[in-house]
């Protein structure tokens, strides 16, 4: 089975080499302290919100000849991770992004319109991350402490979708080449054209 560091490395590669700091902390160090957990104990999606999160995850990783995000129950994974491992500011940022999608009737529009809404959300997250980086840099140059805001919605949604999928049974056994009991160690094996990546 893939361990935390291997999963994180794989998802970082899929995200272009970077992950949001809260995701790295949450995934490598585990869940929050008892005080932090008490502050976010009541976090939960409504059934409609869980359906929405599951649908967004399925658009990010659709079912093809391999299982999709819904098959891997990524929506439930996102909810559990947000509740148990992320701070309230990240939860609030995520919920604000969900509310924007709900306001635009995401579940009722066409697949093309859904894709356009998610592309806009991704662009908004990219711009927000850039702004946060500039504010952090300015604060550091001025010798001030910078209060990090929550991770932008779509960035967090995408990271958790990839983490949830590639640490699920469906993700690492069916979407990747999986050898349950490996034989001898081969340090360098060429991939054939169209071959799946190896599960770790």
Foldseek 3Di string as FASTA:
>chain_A
DDALVRLLCVLCVVVVNDADPLVCCCSVVHFDDPVQLVVLVPDDDDPVLLVVLQVVLCVLFPDDVAHGLVVLSLSVQLSVSCNTRNGPLQSVLQVVLSVVCVVVVLVPDDPVVVVVSLVVQVVVLVVVVVVQVVVCVVCVVVVHDDDDGHRHRSSSSSSSSSSSQCVGCRNQPPQAPEDPDDDDDDPDDDDDVPHGHHRD
